[in-house]
Amino acid sequence: MAEQENQETQSPGKLKSVLVYGYVLFNLGGMGLGSFLVYNATLGYKKPSITSAELNREISAFQKSLQDKPMLYTLDKMTTNLSGLPRRAIRLEINLEMLDGEGFEEVIALGAKGRDILVQTLNGKTFSELETVQGKLQLKNEMIAQLNHLLKNGVVQNIYFSEFVVQ
């Protein structure tokens, strides 16, 4: 009977030591796996190698896509006020030349947000800034930069003014 009581009291201690060893092994395994993943992501990372033939194929495919007919998107006519005195209004129709079809779809999806950016740009200009050819070219460049900043994948290659009237 004494032996049976002695075994029952030793059993929880044995279970406790097994759990401690199991916990230690689990932690060491987790730390080892974490260390391996960090090493693989930083020091052990190897860049994917690309051969010159693959690179030439990608470049030629990209050049062919650029040689395709560019896509033009015509925005609705816009009328807005210019800044400065005397107060003047500008009415213009803008055509966006897109690099590819993906950008064309993205510009269409922009909708009012793209028009709003263009109107804000126009509202910050005065008549004296826009009356010269250099002023119009600078306006084009600003509009291209702002639209390209909004787009994620597409690229506005150029902007054409179909109508440009200042009153």
N, C-alpha and C. Protein backbone atom coordinates (compact mmCIF):
# COMPACT_ATOMS: atom_id res chain seq x y z
N MET A 1 0.80 -1.17 0.00
CA MET A 1 0.00 0.00 0.00
C MET A 1 0.87 1.26 0.00
N ALA A 2 1.93 1.20 0.69
CA ALA A 2 2.83 2.33 0.74
C ALA A 2 3.46 2.58 -0.62
N GLU A 3 3.72 1.49 -1.35
CA GLU A 3 4.29 1.64 -2.69
C GLU A 3 3.30 2.32 -3.64
N GLN A 4 2.01 1.99 -3.48
CA GLN A 4 0.98 2.56 -4.35
C GLN A 4 0.86 4.06 -4.10
N GLU A 5 0.89 4.50 -2.87
CA GLU A 5 0.81 5.93 -2.56
C GLU A 5 2.06 6.64 -3.07
N ASN A 6 3.20 5.97 -2.97
CA ASN A 6 4.45 6.54 -3.41
C ASN A 6 4.44 6.76 -4.93
N GLN A 7 3.88 5.80 -5.69
CA GLN A 7 3.79 5.94 -7.14
C GLN A 7 2.83 7.05 -7.54
N GLU A 8 1.72 7.23 -6.78
CA GLU A 8 0.75 8.27 -7.11
C GLU A 8 1.34 9.65 -6.89
N THR A 9 2.17 9.80 -5.88
CA THR A 9 2.78 11.10 -5.63
C THR A 9 3.88 11.41 -6.64
N GLN A 10 4.55 10.38 -7.16
CA GLN A 10 5.59 10.61 -8.16
C GLN A 10 5.00 10.86 -9.53
N SER A 11 3.83 10.42 -9.83
CA SER A 11 3.20 10.54 -11.14
C SER A 11 3.00 12.00 -11.55
N PRO A 12 2.47 12.91 -10.68
CA PRO A 12 2.36 14.30 -11.11
C PRO A 12 3.71 14.95 -11.38
N GLY A 13 4.72 14.60 -10.67
CA GLY A 13 6.05 15.16 -10.91
C GLY A 13 6.60 14.70 -12.24
N LYS A 14 6.35 13.42 -12.58
CA LYS A 14 6.79 12.90 -13.87
C LYS A 14 6.06 13.61 -15.01
N LEU A 15 4.75 13.80 -14.84
CA LEU A 15 3.94 14.48 -15.86
C LEU A 15 4.41 15.92 -16.05
N LYS A 16 4.75 16.55 -14.93
CA LYS A 16 5.21 17.94 -14.99
C LYS A 16 6.53 18.03 -15.74
N SER A 17 7.45 17.11 -15.48
CA SER A 17 8.74 17.16 -16.17
C SER A 17 8.58 16.84 -17.66
N VAL A 18 7.67 15.95 -18.01
CA VAL A 18 7.42 15.64 -19.42
C VAL A 18 6.84 16.86 -20.13
N LEU A 19 5.91 17.56 -19.48
CA LEU A 19 5.32 18.78 -20.07
C LEU A 19 6.37 19.87 -20.23
N VAL A 20 7.26 20.01 -19.23
CA VAL A 20 8.30 21.04 -19.33
C VAL A 20 9.22 20.72 -20.51
N TYR A 21 9.65 19.46 -20.63
CA TYR A 21 10.51 19.09 -21.75
C TYR A 21 9.78 19.26 -23.10
N GLY A 22 8.51 18.92 -23.14
CA GLY A 22 7.73 19.11 -24.36
C GLY A 22 7.62 20.59 -24.73
N TYR A 23 7.40 21.43 -23.72
CA TYR A 23 7.30 22.88 -23.94
C TYR A 23 8.63 23.43 -24.43
N VAL A 24 9.74 22.99 -23.84
CA VAL A 24 11.06 23.45 -24.25
C VAL A 24 11.34 23.02 -25.69
N LEU A 25 11.03 21.79 -26.03
CA LEU A 25 11.24 21.32 -27.40
C LEU A 25 10.37 22.09 -28.40
N PHE A 26 9.13 22.35 -28.01
CA PHE A 26 8.24 23.11 -28.88
C PHE A 26 8.78 24.52 -29.11
N ASN A 27 9.25 25.18 -28.05
CA ASN A 27 9.82 26.53 -28.19
C ASN A 27 11.08 26.53 -29.05
N LEU A 28 11.96 25.55 -28.81
CA LEU A 28 13.17 25.47 -29.62
C LEU A 28 12.85 25.22 -31.09
N GLY A 29 11.87 24.37 -31.36
CA GLY A 29 11.45 24.14 -32.75
C GLY A 29 10.88 25.40 -33.38
N GLY A 30 10.05 26.14 -32.63
CA GLY A 30 9.48 27.39 -33.14
C GLY A 30 10.55 28.43 -33.40
N MET A 31 11.52 28.53 -32.48
CA MET A 31 12.61 29.50 -32.68
C MET A 31 13.47 29.09 -33.87
N GLY A 32 13.70 27.80 -34.03
CA GLY A 32 14.48 27.33 -35.17
C GLY A 32 13.78 27.62 -36.48
N LEU A 33 12.47 27.37 -36.53
CA LEU A 33 11.71 27.65 -37.74
C LEU A 33 11.69 29.15 -38.03
N GLY A 34 11.49 29.96 -37.00
CA GLY A 34 11.49 31.42 -37.19
C GLY A 34 12.84 31.92 -37.67
N SER A 35 13.91 31.38 -37.08
CA SER A 35 15.26 31.78 -37.50
C SER A 35 15.50 31.40 -38.95
N PHE A 36 15.06 30.23 -39.34
CA PHE A 36 15.22 29.78 -40.72
C PHE A 36 14.47 30.71 -41.68
N LEU A 37 13.24 31.08 -41.33
CA LEU A 37 12.46 31.96 -42.21
C LEU A 37 13.09 33.34 -42.31
N VAL A 38 13.58 33.88 -41.20
CA VAL A 38 14.24 35.20 -41.25
C VAL A 38 15.50 35.13 -42.09
N TYR A 39 16.30 34.08 -41.90
CA TYR A 39 17.52 33.92 -42.69
C TYR A 39 17.19 33.82 -44.18
N ASN A 40 16.19 33.03 -44.51
CA ASN A 40 15.80 32.86 -45.91
C ASN A 40 15.33 34.17 -46.52
N ALA A 41 14.67 35.01 -45.73
CA ALA A 41 14.14 36.26 -46.26
C ALA A 41 15.19 37.36 -46.34
N THR A 42 16.29 37.25 -45.61
CA THR A 42 17.28 38.32 -45.60
C THR A 42 18.61 37.86 -46.19
N LEU A 43 19.45 37.26 -45.38
CA LEU A 43 20.80 36.90 -45.83
C LEU A 43 20.80 35.77 -46.85
N GLY A 44 19.90 34.84 -46.71
CA GLY A 44 19.87 33.69 -47.59
C GLY A 44 19.09 33.91 -48.87
N TYR A 45 18.56 35.11 -49.08
CA TYR A 45 17.74 35.38 -50.27
C TYR A 45 18.63 35.42 -51.50
N LYS A 46 18.24 34.69 -52.50
CA LYS A 46 18.95 34.70 -53.78
C LYS A 46 18.01 35.25 -54.84
N LYS A 47 18.50 36.25 -55.56
CA LYS A 47 17.68 36.85 -56.60
C LYS A 47 17.42 35.83 -57.70
N PRO A 48 16.21 35.86 -58.26
CA PRO A 48 15.96 34.94 -59.37
C PRO A 48 16.82 35.34 -60.55
N SER A 49 17.51 34.39 -61.12
CA SER A 49 18.39 34.69 -62.23
C SER A 49 17.58 34.70 -63.52
N ILE A 50 17.93 35.63 -64.38
CA ILE A 50 17.26 35.74 -65.67
C ILE A 50 18.36 35.72 -66.74
N THR A 51 18.14 34.97 -67.76
CA THR A 51 19.14 34.88 -68.81
C THR A 51 18.98 36.06 -69.76
N SER A 52 20.01 36.31 -70.51
CA SER A 52 19.95 37.43 -71.46
C SER A 52 18.92 37.17 -72.55
N ALA A 53 18.70 35.92 -72.90
CA ALA A 53 17.70 35.60 -73.91
C ALA A 53 16.29 35.94 -73.40
N GLU A 54 16.01 35.60 -72.14
CA GLU A 54 14.70 35.93 -71.57
C GLU A 54 14.53 37.44 -71.48
N LEU A 55 15.59 38.12 -71.09
CA LEU A 55 15.54 39.58 -70.99
C LEU A 55 15.30 40.21 -72.35
N ASN A 56 15.96 39.73 -73.38
CA ASN A 56 15.76 40.26 -74.73
C ASN A 56 14.33 40.02 -75.21
N ARG A 57 13.77 38.84 -74.89
CA ARG A 57 12.38 38.57 -75.27
C ARG A 57 11.43 39.53 -74.59
N GLU A 58 11.64 39.78 -73.30
CA GLU A 58 10.76 40.71 -72.57
C GLU A 58 10.88 42.13 -73.12
N ILE A 59 12.09 42.55 -73.44
CA ILE A 59 12.29 43.89 -73.98
C ILE A 59 11.63 44.02 -75.34
N SER A 60 11.79 43.02 -76.20
CA SER A 60 11.17 43.09 -77.53
C SER A 60 9.65 43.06 -77.43
N ALA A 61 9.10 42.28 -76.49
CA ALA A 61 7.65 42.26 -76.30
C ALA A 61 7.15 43.61 -75.82
N PHE A 62 7.91 44.25 -74.93
CA PHE A 62 7.52 45.57 -74.43
C PHE A 62 7.59 46.61 -75.55
N GLN A 63 8.63 46.55 -76.38
CA GLN A 63 8.75 47.48 -77.49
C GLN A 63 7.62 47.30 -78.50
N LYS A 64 7.22 46.06 -78.74
CA LYS A 64 6.10 45.81 -79.65
C LYS A 64 4.81 46.38 -79.08
N SER A 65 4.63 46.27 -77.78
CA SER A 65 3.42 46.81 -77.17
C SER A 65 3.41 48.33 -77.26
N LEU A 66 4.59 48.96 -77.22
CA LEU A 66 4.67 50.42 -77.34
C LEU A 66 4.42 50.87 -78.78
N GLN A 67 4.71 50.02 -79.74
CA GLN A 67 4.53 50.40 -81.13
C GLN A 67 3.07 50.28 -81.57
N ASP A 68 2.26 49.62 -80.77
CA ASP A 68 0.84 49.52 -81.10
C ASP A 68 0.24 50.92 -81.10
N LYS A 69 -0.88 51.05 -81.75
CA LYS A 69 -1.55 52.34 -81.83
C LYS A 69 -1.94 52.79 -80.42
N PRO A 70 -1.51 53.99 -80.00
CA PRO A 70 -1.87 54.46 -78.65
C PRO A 70 -3.37 54.69 -78.55
N MET A 71 -3.88 54.57 -77.36
CA MET A 71 -5.32 54.72 -77.14
C MET A 71 -5.60 56.14 -76.66
N LEU A 72 -6.59 56.77 -77.26
CA LEU A 72 -6.98 58.12 -76.89
C LEU A 72 -8.31 58.07 -76.15
N TYR A 73 -8.37 58.81 -75.05
CA TYR A 73 -9.61 58.93 -74.28
C TYR A 73 -9.96 60.41 -74.23
N THR A 74 -11.16 60.75 -74.69
CA THR A 74 -11.60 62.14 -74.71
C THR A 74 -12.48 62.41 -73.51
N LEU A 75 -12.04 63.37 -72.70
CA LEU A 75 -12.84 63.79 -71.55
C LEU A 75 -13.94 64.73 -72.03
N ASP A 76 -15.01 64.82 -71.27
CA ASP A 76 -16.07 65.77 -71.60
C ASP A 76 -15.52 67.18 -71.52
N LYS A 77 -16.19 68.10 -72.20
CA LYS A 77 -15.76 69.50 -72.14
C LYS A 77 -15.87 70.01 -70.71
N MET A 78 -14.86 70.78 -70.31
CA MET A 78 -14.84 71.34 -68.96
C MET A 78 -14.84 72.86 -69.05
N THR A 79 -15.60 73.46 -68.16
CA THR A 79 -15.60 74.91 -68.03
C THR A 79 -15.33 75.23 -66.57
N THR A 80 -14.33 76.05 -66.33
CA THR A 80 -13.98 76.41 -64.95
C THR A 80 -13.40 77.82 -64.93
N ASN A 81 -13.27 78.35 -63.73
CA ASN A 81 -12.70 79.69 -63.56
C ASN A 81 -11.20 79.61 -63.37
N LEU A 82 -10.54 80.66 -63.85
CA LEU A 82 -9.11 80.80 -63.61
C LEU A 82 -8.92 81.68 -62.38
N SER A 83 -7.76 81.58 -61.79
CA SER A 83 -7.48 82.42 -60.63
C SER A 83 -6.98 83.78 -61.11
N GLY A 84 -6.98 84.75 -60.21
CA GLY A 84 -6.48 86.08 -60.54
C GLY A 84 -7.58 87.01 -61.00
N LEU A 85 -7.19 88.27 -61.14
CA LEU A 85 -8.12 89.30 -61.58
C LEU A 85 -7.66 89.82 -62.93
N PRO A 86 -8.48 90.20 -63.85
CA PRO A 86 -9.93 90.05 -63.83
C PRO A 86 -10.31 88.58 -63.94
N ARG A 87 -11.50 88.28 -63.44
CA ARG A 87 -11.99 86.90 -63.45
C ARG A 87 -12.16 86.44 -64.89
N ARG A 88 -11.62 85.27 -65.17
CA ARG A 88 -11.75 84.69 -66.50
C ARG A 88 -12.18 83.24 -66.37
N ALA A 89 -12.84 82.78 -67.42
CA ALA A 89 -13.27 81.39 -67.46
C ALA A 89 -12.55 80.69 -68.60
N ILE A 90 -12.34 79.39 -68.43
CA ILE A 90 -11.68 78.61 -69.47
C ILE A 90 -12.57 77.41 -69.80
N ARG A 91 -12.70 77.14 -71.09
CA ARG A 91 -13.43 75.97 -71.54
C ARG A 91 -12.48 75.16 -72.41
N LEU A 92 -12.35 73.89 -72.06
CA LEU A 92 -11.46 73.06 -72.86
C LEU A 92 -11.93 71.63 -72.93
N GLU A 93 -11.48 70.99 -73.98
CA GLU A 93 -11.73 69.58 -74.18
C GLU A 93 -10.36 68.90 -74.23
N ILE A 94 -10.20 67.87 -73.41
CA ILE A 94 -8.89 67.23 -73.26
C ILE A 94 -8.95 65.80 -73.78
N ASN A 95 -7.94 65.43 -74.55
CA ASN A 95 -7.76 64.06 -75.02
C ASN A 95 -6.52 63.49 -74.33
N LEU A 96 -6.67 62.34 -73.69
CA LEU A 96 -5.56 61.69 -73.01
C LEU A 96 -5.03 60.57 -73.89
N GLU A 97 -3.73 60.59 -74.18
CA GLU A 97 -3.10 59.51 -74.94
C GLU A 97 -2.52 58.52 -73.92
N MET A 98 -3.08 57.32 -73.93
CA MET A 98 -2.67 56.29 -72.99
C MET A 98 -1.67 55.35 -73.64
N LEU A 99 -0.77 54.82 -72.82
CA LEU A 99 0.26 53.93 -73.32
C LEU A 99 -0.30 52.58 -73.75
N ASP A 100 -1.31 52.08 -73.02
CA ASP A 100 -1.87 50.77 -73.35
C ASP A 100 -3.33 50.70 -72.94
N GLY A 101 -3.96 49.58 -73.25
CA GLY A 101 -5.38 49.40 -72.94
C GLY A 101 -5.66 49.33 -71.46
N GLU A 102 -4.74 48.81 -70.69
CA GLU A 102 -4.92 48.71 -69.25
C GLU A 102 -5.04 50.10 -68.62
N GLY A 103 -4.19 51.01 -69.07
CA GLY A 103 -4.26 52.38 -68.58
C GLY A 103 -5.53 53.07 -69.03
N PHE A 104 -5.98 52.74 -70.24
CA PHE A 104 -7.22 53.31 -70.76
C PHE A 104 -8.39 52.96 -69.85
N GLU A 105 -8.47 51.68 -69.47
CA GLU A 105 -9.55 51.24 -68.58
C GLU A 105 -9.43 51.89 -67.21
N GLU A 106 -8.21 52.09 -66.74
CA GLU A 106 -8.01 52.71 -65.43
C GLU A 106 -8.42 54.18 -65.44
N VAL A 107 -8.17 54.88 -66.54
CA VAL A 107 -8.58 56.28 -66.64
C VAL A 107 -10.10 56.38 -66.67
N ILE A 108 -10.74 55.47 -67.36
CA ILE A 108 -12.20 55.47 -67.40
C ILE A 108 -12.74 55.23 -66.00
N ALA A 109 -12.10 54.34 -65.25
CA ALA A 109 -12.55 54.05 -63.89
C ALA A 109 -12.34 55.23 -62.96
N LEU A 110 -11.35 56.09 -63.25
CA LEU A 110 -11.12 57.27 -62.40
C LEU A 110 -12.32 58.19 -62.41
N GLY A 111 -12.85 58.43 -63.59
CA GLY A 111 -14.05 59.24 -63.74
C GLY A 111 -13.91 60.63 -63.15
N ALA A 112 -14.76 60.94 -62.18
CA ALA A 112 -14.84 62.28 -61.61
C ALA A 112 -13.58 62.66 -60.85
N LYS A 113 -12.91 61.69 -60.27
CA LYS A 113 -11.69 61.99 -59.51
C LYS A 113 -10.62 62.59 -60.42
N GLY A 114 -10.46 62.03 -61.61
CA GLY A 114 -9.50 62.55 -62.58
C GLY A 114 -9.88 63.94 -63.06
N ARG A 115 -11.16 64.13 -63.35
CA ARG A 115 -11.62 65.46 -63.78
C ARG A 115 -11.41 66.49 -62.68
N ASP A 116 -11.65 66.09 -61.43
CA ASP A 116 -11.48 67.01 -60.31
C ASP A 116 -10.04 67.47 -60.18
N ILE A 117 -9.10 66.56 -60.36
CA ILE A 117 -7.68 66.93 -60.29
C ILE A 117 -7.34 67.94 -61.39
N LEU A 118 -7.88 67.72 -62.58
CA LEU A 118 -7.62 68.64 -63.70
C LEU A 118 -8.24 70.01 -63.45
N VAL A 119 -9.45 70.03 -62.90
CA VAL A 119 -10.12 71.31 -62.60
C VAL A 119 -9.35 72.05 -61.51
N GLN A 120 -8.86 71.36 -60.51
CA GLN A 120 -8.08 72.02 -59.46
C GLN A 120 -6.80 72.63 -60.03
N THR A 121 -6.18 71.92 -60.96
CA THR A 121 -4.98 72.45 -61.61
C THR A 121 -5.31 73.72 -62.38
N LEU A 122 -6.41 73.69 -63.10
CA LEU A 122 -6.82 74.87 -63.88
C LEU A 122 -7.18 76.04 -62.97
N ASN A 123 -7.84 75.76 -61.84
CA ASN A 123 -8.24 76.83 -60.92
C ASN A 123 -7.04 77.54 -60.31
N GLY A 124 -5.90 76.89 -60.26
CA GLY A 124 -4.69 77.51 -59.71
C GLY A 124 -3.91 78.32 -60.71
N LYS A 125 -4.34 78.36 -61.95
CA LYS A 125 -3.62 79.08 -63.01
C LYS A 125 -4.26 80.44 -63.27
N THR A 126 -3.45 81.38 -63.70
CA THR A 126 -3.96 82.69 -64.11
C THR A 126 -3.91 82.78 -65.64
N PHE A 127 -4.58 83.78 -66.18
CA PHE A 127 -4.61 83.95 -67.63
C PHE A 127 -3.20 84.22 -68.16
N SER A 128 -2.42 85.00 -67.44
CA SER A 128 -1.07 85.34 -67.91
C SER A 128 -0.18 84.09 -67.98
N GLU A 129 -0.43 83.10 -67.14
CA GLU A 129 0.35 81.87 -67.20
C GLU A 129 -0.02 81.00 -68.39
N LEU A 130 -1.27 81.10 -68.84
CA LEU A 130 -1.76 80.21 -69.90
C LEU A 130 -1.76 80.84 -71.29
N GLU A 131 -1.51 82.12 -71.40
CA GLU A 131 -1.62 82.75 -72.72
C GLU A 131 -0.44 82.44 -73.63
N THR A 132 0.69 82.02 -73.09
CA THR A 132 1.84 81.69 -73.93
C THR A 132 1.87 80.20 -74.24
N VAL A 133 2.63 79.85 -75.25
CA VAL A 133 2.78 78.45 -75.63
C VAL A 133 3.49 77.68 -74.50
N GLN A 134 4.50 78.32 -73.91
CA GLN A 134 5.22 77.67 -72.81
C GLN A 134 4.29 77.41 -71.63
N GLY A 135 3.36 78.32 -71.37
CA GLY A 135 2.40 78.14 -70.29
C GLY A 135 1.49 76.95 -70.54
N LYS A 136 1.05 76.79 -71.80
CA LYS A 136 0.20 75.65 -72.15
C LYS A 136 0.98 74.34 -72.03
N LEU A 137 2.24 74.33 -72.46
CA LEU A 137 3.06 73.13 -72.33
C LEU A 137 3.30 72.78 -70.85
N GLN A 138 3.50 73.81 -70.04
CA GLN A 138 3.69 73.56 -68.62
C GLN A 138 2.40 73.01 -68.00
N LEU A 139 1.26 73.52 -68.42
CA LEU A 139 -0.02 73.01 -67.95
C LEU A 139 -0.18 71.54 -68.34
N LYS A 140 0.17 71.20 -69.57
CA LYS A 140 0.10 69.81 -70.01
C LYS A 140 0.96 68.91 -69.12
N ASN A 141 2.20 69.35 -68.87
CA ASN A 141 3.10 68.54 -68.06
C ASN A 141 2.58 68.36 -66.63
N GLU A 142 2.01 69.40 -66.05
CA GLU A 142 1.44 69.29 -64.71
C GLU A 142 0.27 68.32 -64.69
N MET A 143 -0.59 68.40 -65.70
CA MET A 143 -1.74 67.51 -65.76
C MET A 143 -1.30 66.06 -65.94
N ILE A 144 -0.31 65.83 -66.79
CA ILE A 144 0.20 64.47 -67.00
C ILE A 144 0.76 63.92 -65.70
N ALA A 145 1.54 64.74 -64.99
CA ALA A 145 2.15 64.28 -63.74
C ALA A 145 1.08 63.95 -62.70
N GLN A 146 0.06 64.79 -62.59
CA GLN A 146 -0.97 64.54 -61.59
C GLN A 146 -1.81 63.31 -61.93
N LEU A 147 -2.13 63.13 -63.20
CA LEU A 147 -2.90 61.94 -63.58
C LEU A 147 -2.08 60.66 -63.40
N ASN A 148 -0.81 60.71 -63.77
CA ASN A 148 0.04 59.53 -63.59
C ASN A 148 0.23 59.20 -62.11
N HIS A 149 0.19 60.23 -61.27
CA HIS A 149 0.29 59.99 -59.83
C HIS A 149 -0.94 59.24 -59.32
N LEU A 150 -2.11 59.51 -59.91
CA LEU A 150 -3.34 58.82 -59.51
C LEU A 150 -3.40 57.39 -60.02
N LEU A 151 -2.85 57.15 -61.19
CA LEU A 151 -2.94 55.83 -61.82
C LEU A 151 -1.96 54.86 -61.18
N LYS A 152 -2.39 53.61 -61.05
CA LYS A 152 -1.52 52.60 -60.46
C LYS A 152 -0.74 51.85 -61.54
N ASN A 153 -1.40 51.43 -62.61
CA ASN A 153 -0.74 50.63 -63.64
C ASN A 153 -0.63 51.37 -64.96
N GLY A 154 -1.56 52.25 -65.24
CA GLY A 154 -1.58 52.93 -66.52
C GLY A 154 -0.64 54.13 -66.56
N VAL A 155 -0.38 54.60 -67.76
CA VAL A 155 0.50 55.76 -67.96
C VAL A 155 -0.13 56.67 -69.00
N VAL A 156 -0.29 57.95 -68.62
CA VAL A 156 -0.72 58.96 -69.58
C VAL A 156 0.54 59.43 -70.30
N GLN A 157 0.58 59.20 -71.60
CA GLN A 157 1.77 59.53 -72.38
C GLN A 157 1.76 60.99 -72.81
N ASN A 158 0.58 61.50 -73.18
CA ASN A 158 0.49 62.88 -73.64
C ASN A 158 -0.94 63.37 -73.45
N ILE A 159 -1.09 64.67 -73.46
CA ILE A 159 -2.41 65.32 -73.39
C ILE A 159 -2.53 66.24 -74.59
N TYR A 160 -3.69 66.17 -75.24
CA TYR A 160 -3.97 67.05 -76.36
C TYR A 160 -5.19 67.89 -76.02
N PHE A 161 -5.12 69.18 -76.36
CA PHE A 161 -6.26 70.07 -76.17
C PHE A 161 -7.01 70.18 -77.49
N SER A 162 -8.23 69.64 -77.54
CA SER A 162 -9.05 69.76 -78.74
C SER A 162 -9.67 71.13 -78.82
N GLU A 163 -9.98 71.67 -77.66
CA GLU A 163 -10.58 72.99 -77.58
C GLU A 163 -9.97 73.68 -76.39
N PHE A 164 -9.55 74.95 -76.57
CA PHE A 164 -8.91 75.71 -75.51
C PHE A 164 -9.37 77.16 -75.66
N VAL A 165 -10.40 77.54 -74.91
CA VAL A 165 -10.97 78.87 -75.03
C VAL A 165 -10.94 79.55 -73.68
N VAL A 166 -10.36 80.75 -73.64
CA VAL A 166 -10.33 81.55 -72.41
C VAL A 166 -11.13 82.82 -72.67
N GLN A 167 -12.06 83.10 -71.76
CA GLN A 167 -12.90 84.30 -71.93
C GLN A 167 -12.69 85.23 -70.76
